[in-house]
């Protein structure tokens, strides 16, 4: 590919990657209700507060996170916050009984006839869109990495000043192509080094920091350690996190397309100092005929 063709290839693959990444935001699943966070305790209690009248007598601690799923298909921070006072081990799985905060949902009985109120773990989202999500993410990454090699080749490639037209050499032994280098020979190693430095400064270093900040912003419930210090995040606002991550990645793709387009338009303004004359041997058809005979 020529220099401009490489840039066009980078722009096209970046646009396709951006389109696939935009589709990701539409692959969503319903948020699982979580008591005290995004769902109240059967009309009692307040959002953002795990304590409600049904579990106030339990004196639960939010420093111990052990999620359970009630028969009402609502998640609870721990068996204590669900008001459960009894548990059993059934076929190597734990089950909770007599949970004062769980009043609705289908009841199932164990082998001894007791009705199970909750089971350990988070509730099943009952969403089967994961293969579609993986397909979009894989396509996004695939078209993103396509621009890696063209970006490097663009620095090392020649740009044809006379748009591929051959000029006859006065001697008649060769044809002349006037080309211009994107980067002169003595500065190519420096150009590749600077490209890597920019990639590290604006990508590798701030990337993890930005994503960590995104996770912190999306946190809706944190562990409260002793002395009031905040610890790990237990529950995230998944929709908010998804919008933030997709937005950041889309902005980066738009920046890539914007600067590549600028470089594409500025090719014709390369300095004359980088110009070079290449001599191409003239193809003599008469010589070929003699060789065939």
Protein backbone atom coordinates (compact mmCIF):
# COMPACT_ATOMS: atom_id res chain seq x y z
CA UNK A 1 0.00 0.00 0.00
CA UNK A 2 1.04 3.58 -0.59
CA UNK A 3 1.32 6.04 2.26
CA UNK A 4 -2.15 7.49 1.67
CA UNK A 5 -3.65 4.03 1.24
CA UNK A 6 -2.25 3.04 4.63
CA UNK A 7 -3.86 6.08 6.23
CA UNK A 8 -7.17 5.36 4.52
CA UNK A 9 -6.94 1.79 5.79
CA UNK A 10 -6.40 3.05 9.34
CA UNK A 11 -9.37 5.43 9.12
CA UNK A 12 -11.70 2.77 7.67
CA UNK A 13 -10.78 0.09 10.22
CA UNK A 14 -11.12 2.61 13.06
CA UNK A 15 -14.59 3.63 11.85
CA UNK A 16 -15.68 -0.01 11.60
CA UNK A 17 -14.30 -0.67 15.08
CA UNK A 18 -16.19 2.37 16.39
CA UNK A 19 -19.45 1.13 14.85
CA UNK A 20 -19.09 -2.33 16.39
CA UNK A 21 -18.29 -0.79 19.77
CA UNK A 22 -21.38 1.39 19.52
CA UNK A 23 -23.49 -1.76 19.16
CA UNK A 24 -22.17 -3.02 22.51
CA UNK A 25 -24.20 -0.45 24.44
CA UNK A 26 -27.43 -1.96 23.09
CA UNK A 27 -26.56 -5.44 24.40
CA UNK A 28 -27.88 -5.09 27.91
CA UNK A 29 -29.55 -7.17 30.60
CA UNK A 30 -31.98 -6.11 33.28
CA UNK A 31 -30.39 -5.16 36.60
CA UNK A 32 -30.99 -7.70 39.35
CA UNK A 33 -32.91 -6.15 42.27
CA UNK A 34 -30.76 -5.79 45.38
CA UNK A 35 -32.47 -5.07 48.67
CA UNK A 36 -31.43 -1.74 50.16
CA UNK A 37 -29.53 -0.67 47.03
CA UNK A 38 -31.91 -0.48 44.08
CA UNK A 39 -34.94 -2.14 45.66
CA UNK A 40 -36.62 -1.60 49.00
CA UNK A 41 -37.57 -4.24 51.55
CA UNK A 42 -41.14 -4.97 50.43
CA UNK A 43 -42.12 -1.33 50.71
CA UNK A 44 -40.12 -0.71 53.88
CA UNK A 45 -36.67 0.74 54.35
CA UNK A 46 -34.82 3.24 52.17
CA UNK A 47 -32.64 2.92 49.10
CA UNK A 48 -28.96 3.12 49.97
CA UNK A 49 -29.60 1.74 53.46
CA UNK A 50 -29.27 -2.00 54.06
CA UNK A 51 -31.02 -1.78 57.41
CA UNK A 52 -34.82 -2.11 57.46
CA UNK A 53 -37.47 -2.90 60.09
CA UNK A 54 -37.35 -6.60 59.16
CA UNK A 55 -33.63 -6.92 60.02
CA UNK A 56 -33.04 -4.12 62.54
CA UNK A 57 -33.08 -6.62 65.43
CA UNK A 58 -30.23 -8.62 63.83
CA UNK A 59 -27.56 -5.89 64.23
CA UNK A 60 -25.88 -6.84 60.95
CA UNK A 61 -22.45 -5.60 59.83
CA UNK A 62 -21.81 -4.37 56.30
CA UNK A 63 -18.12 -5.32 56.54
CA UNK A 64 -18.98 -8.96 55.77
CA UNK A 65 -20.30 -9.41 52.22
CA UNK A 66 -21.94 -12.77 51.59
CA UNK A 67 -24.58 -12.32 48.90
CA UNK A 68 -27.65 -14.55 48.85
CA UNK A 69 -30.61 -14.80 46.50
CA UNK A 70 -34.07 -14.99 48.01
CA UNK A 71 -37.03 -16.93 46.65
CA UNK A 72 -38.49 -13.54 45.70
CA UNK A 73 -35.58 -13.24 43.20
CA UNK A 74 -34.09 -10.30 45.10
CA UNK A 75 -30.46 -10.21 46.16
CA UNK A 76 -29.46 -9.54 49.75
CA UNK A 77 -26.13 -8.34 51.10
CA UNK A 78 -25.86 -11.24 53.55
CA UNK A 79 -28.14 -13.74 55.29
CA UNK A 80 -28.18 -11.42 58.28
CA UNK A 81 -29.61 -8.51 56.25
CA UNK A 82 -32.26 -10.89 54.91
CA UNK A 83 -33.27 -11.71 58.48
CA UNK A 84 -32.41 -15.42 58.16
CA UNK A 85 -32.07 -17.24 61.48
CA UNK A 86 -31.51 -20.82 60.32
CA UNK A 87 -29.41 -22.62 57.70
CA UNK A 88 -28.82 -26.17 56.52
CA UNK A 89 -26.37 -28.01 54.28
CA UNK A 90 -28.30 -29.85 51.57
CA UNK A 91 -26.25 -31.93 49.12
CA UNK A 92 -23.11 -29.84 49.74
CA UNK A 93 -25.10 -26.63 49.21
CA UNK A 94 -26.22 -24.25 51.90
CA UNK A 95 -29.82 -23.08 52.25
CA UNK A 96 -31.36 -20.45 54.53
CA UNK A 97 -34.69 -20.59 56.36
CA UNK A 98 -37.02 -18.35 58.36
CA UNK A 99 -35.86 -15.13 56.69
CA UNK A 100 -37.99 -12.30 58.05
CA UNK A 101 -37.32 -9.97 55.07
CA UNK A 102 -38.41 -12.52 52.44
CA UNK A 103 -42.16 -12.84 52.25
CA UNK A 104 -42.92 -13.32 48.55
CA UNK A 105 -41.93 -15.75 45.83
CA UNK A 106 -42.40 -19.44 45.19
CA UNK A 107 -41.65 -21.72 48.11
CA UNK A 108 -39.77 -24.99 47.71
CA UNK A 109 -39.42 -27.62 50.41
CA UNK A 110 -36.29 -29.63 51.20
CA UNK A 111 -36.17 -33.35 52.03
CA UNK A 112 -37.28 -32.64 55.60
CA UNK A 113 -40.28 -30.56 54.55
CA UNK A 114 -38.85 -27.15 55.54
CA UNK A 115 -39.41 -24.28 53.11
CA UNK A 116 -36.24 -22.73 51.69
CA UNK A 117 -36.15 -18.93 51.70
CA UNK A 118 -32.74 -18.19 50.16
CA UNK A 119 -29.64 -19.73 48.66
CA UNK A 120 -26.05 -18.44 48.66
CA UNK A 121 -24.73 -16.45 45.70
CA UNK A 122 -26.14 -13.74 43.49
CA UNK A 123 -29.41 -14.16 41.63
CA UNK A 124 -29.33 -15.40 38.06
CA UNK A 125 -29.79 -12.55 35.60
CA UNK A 126 -31.55 -14.88 33.14
CA UNK A 127 -29.89 -13.07 30.28
CA UNK A 128 -28.50 -14.93 27.28
CA UNK A 129 -26.90 -12.10 25.34
CA UNK A 130 -23.32 -12.90 26.32
CA UNK A 131 -22.43 -14.53 22.92
CA UNK A 132 -23.67 -11.40 21.13
CA UNK A 133 -21.62 -9.19 23.45
CA UNK A 134 -18.48 -11.29 22.88
CA UNK A 135 -19.01 -11.14 19.10
CA UNK A 136 -19.18 -7.32 19.12
CA UNK A 137 -16.19 -6.96 21.46
CA UNK A 138 -14.10 -9.41 19.40
CA UNK A 139 -14.93 -7.51 16.19
CA UNK A 140 -14.05 -4.22 17.87
CA UNK A 141 -10.65 -5.49 19.04
CA UNK A 142 -9.95 -7.19 15.70
CA UNK A 143 -10.45 -4.03 13.64
CA UNK A 144 -8.60 -1.97 16.24
CA UNK A 145 -5.40 -4.00 15.97
CA UNK A 146 -5.55 -3.81 12.16
CA UNK A 147 -4.26 -0.23 12.37
CA UNK A 148 -1.13 -1.13 14.36
CA UNK A 149 1.13 -2.19 11.47
CA UNK A 150 -0.11 0.51 9.01
CA UNK A 151 0.72 3.20 11.57
CA UNK A 152 4.32 2.00 11.70
CA UNK A 153 4.59 1.55 7.93
CA UNK A 154 3.30 5.08 7.35
CA UNK A 155 6.39 6.47 9.08
CA UNK A 156 8.71 4.38 6.89
CA UNK A 157 6.87 4.66 3.58
CA UNK A 158 7.54 6.90 0.55
CA UNK A 159 4.95 9.33 -0.76
CA UNK A 160 4.78 9.72 -4.57
CA UNK A 161 5.01 13.41 -5.42
CA UNK A 162 4.07 12.94 -9.10
CA UNK A 163 1.18 10.54 -8.26
CA UNK A 164 2.85 7.50 -9.82
CA UNK A 165 3.64 9.08 -13.20
CA UNK A 166 6.97 8.04 -14.72
CA UNK A 167 9.21 10.71 -16.20
CA UNK A 168 11.73 9.82 -18.92
CA UNK A 169 15.36 10.20 -17.99
CA UNK A 170 17.34 12.23 -20.56
CA UNK A 171 19.76 9.31 -21.01
CA UNK A 172 16.89 7.01 -21.97
CA UNK A 173 18.17 4.18 -19.77
CA UNK A 174 15.73 4.70 -16.92
CA UNK A 175 12.48 6.30 -15.87
CA UNK A 176 12.26 8.71 -12.97
CA UNK A 177 9.83 8.72 -10.04
CA UNK A 178 9.88 11.73 -7.75
CA UNK A 179 9.01 10.65 -4.21
CA UNK A 180 9.08 12.25 -0.80
CA UNK A 181 9.82 10.50 2.47
CA UNK A 182 7.41 10.93 5.38
CA UNK A 183 10.45 10.91 7.65
CA UNK A 184 14.01 11.27 6.40
CA UNK A 185 16.38 8.30 6.71
CA UNK A 186 18.39 9.75 9.58
CA UNK A 187 15.27 10.45 11.65
CA UNK A 188 13.30 7.23 11.23
CA UNK A 189 14.53 5.58 14.43
CA UNK A 190 13.75 8.81 16.30
CA UNK A 191 10.24 8.92 14.77
CA UNK A 192 9.50 5.32 15.78
CA UNK A 193 10.80 6.01 19.28
CA UNK A 194 8.65 9.13 19.65
CA UNK A 195 5.58 7.23 18.43
CA UNK A 196 6.16 4.66 21.15
CA UNK A 197 6.68 7.38 23.76
CA UNK A 198 3.38 9.06 22.81
CA UNK A 199 1.64 5.68 22.99
CA UNK A 200 2.95 5.17 26.52
CA UNK A 201 2.27 8.72 27.74
CA UNK A 202 -1.27 9.02 26.37
CA UNK A 203 -2.31 5.35 26.41
CA UNK A 204 -0.51 2.81 28.58
CA UNK A 205 0.05 5.07 31.61
CA UNK A 206 -3.27 6.98 31.92
CA UNK A 207 -5.42 4.07 30.63
CA UNK A 208 -5.49 2.00 33.84
CA UNK A 209 -5.88 5.16 35.92
CA UNK A 210 -8.91 6.31 33.90
CA UNK A 211 -10.57 2.89 34.09
CA UNK A 212 -9.90 2.74 37.86
CA UNK A 213 -11.56 6.15 38.24
CA UNK A 214 -14.50 4.89 36.18
CA UNK A 215 -14.93 1.96 38.55
CA UNK A 216 -14.80 4.28 41.58
CA UNK A 217 -17.42 6.60 40.09
CA UNK A 218 -19.72 3.65 39.34
CA UNK A 219 -19.54 2.26 42.88
CA UNK A 220 -22.83 2.54 44.78
CA UNK A 221 -21.95 0.61 47.94
CA UNK A 222 -18.55 0.29 49.60
CA UNK A 223 -17.25 -1.73 52.47
CA UNK A 224 -17.00 0.30 55.66
CA UNK A 225 -13.91 -0.68 57.56
CA UNK A 226 -13.10 0.06 61.16
CA UNK A 227 -12.60 3.73 62.12
CA UNK A 228 -14.90 4.74 59.25
CA UNK A 229 -12.39 4.11 56.46
CA UNK A 230 -13.81 3.09 53.09
CA UNK A 231 -12.72 -0.26 51.71
CA UNK A 232 -13.50 -2.32 48.64
CA UNK A 233 -16.55 -1.71 46.51
CA UNK A 234 -19.18 -4.41 46.91
CA UNK A 235 -21.83 -3.30 44.42
CA UNK A 236 -21.51 -1.31 41.17
CA UNK A 237 -23.98 0.54 39.01
CA UNK A 238 -23.41 -1.64 35.96
CA UNK A 239 -25.28 0.56 33.49
CA UNK A 240 -23.36 3.66 34.54
CA UNK A 241 -20.06 1.80 34.29
CA UNK A 242 -20.96 0.48 30.83
CA UNK A 243 -21.85 3.94 29.52
CA UNK A 244 -18.64 5.45 30.93
CA UNK A 245 -16.37 2.72 29.52
CA UNK A 246 -18.00 2.79 26.08
CA UNK A 247 -17.86 6.59 26.05
CA UNK A 248 -14.14 6.67 26.89
CA UNK A 249 -13.28 4.08 24.23
CA UNK A 250 -15.39 5.86 21.60
CA UNK A 251 -13.66 9.16 22.35
CA UNK A 252 -10.27 7.49 21.86
CA UNK A 253 -11.41 6.06 18.52
CA UNK A 254 -12.70 9.45 17.37
CA UNK A 255 -9.35 11.03 18.29
CA UNK A 256 -7.55 8.34 16.24
CA UNK A 257 -9.73 9.02 13.20
CA UNK A 258 -9.37 12.80 13.58
CA UNK A 259 -5.57 12.89 13.72
CA UNK A 260 -5.16 10.27 10.99
CA UNK A 261 -7.40 12.38 8.74
CA UNK A 262 -5.25 15.44 9.48
CA UNK A 263 -2.09 13.49 8.56
CA UNK A 264 -3.79 12.31 5.37
CA UNK A 265 -4.56 15.90 4.34
CA UNK A 266 -1.07 17.19 5.21
CA UNK A 267 0.82 14.65 3.06
CA UNK A 268 1.01 17.05 0.11
CA UNK A 269 2.71 19.68 2.28
CA UNK A 270 5.80 17.59 3.04
CA UNK A 271 9.05 19.62 2.98
CA UNK A 272 11.09 19.55 -0.21
CA UNK A 273 14.15 18.51 1.78
CA UNK A 274 12.65 15.01 2.05
CA UNK A 275 12.24 14.67 -1.71
CA UNK A 276 14.19 11.98 -3.54
CA UNK A 277 14.56 10.81 -7.14
CA UNK A 278 14.25 7.09 -7.89
CA UNK A 279 15.52 5.70 -11.23
CA UNK A 280 13.54 2.75 -12.62
CA UNK A 281 15.05 0.65 -15.46
CA UNK A 282 13.24 0.97 -18.78
CA UNK A 283 11.54 -2.20 -19.97
CA UNK A 284 12.78 -2.93 -23.49
CA UNK A 285 10.29 -5.13 -25.38
CA UNK A 286 12.76 -5.81 -28.22
CA UNK A 287 15.15 -7.53 -25.83
CA UNK A 288 12.36 -9.89 -24.69
CA UNK A 289 11.54 -10.87 -28.28
CA UNK A 290 15.19 -11.77 -28.98
CA UNK A 291 15.30 -13.93 -25.84
CA UNK A 292 12.16 -15.80 -26.93
CA UNK A 293 13.62 -16.49 -30.39
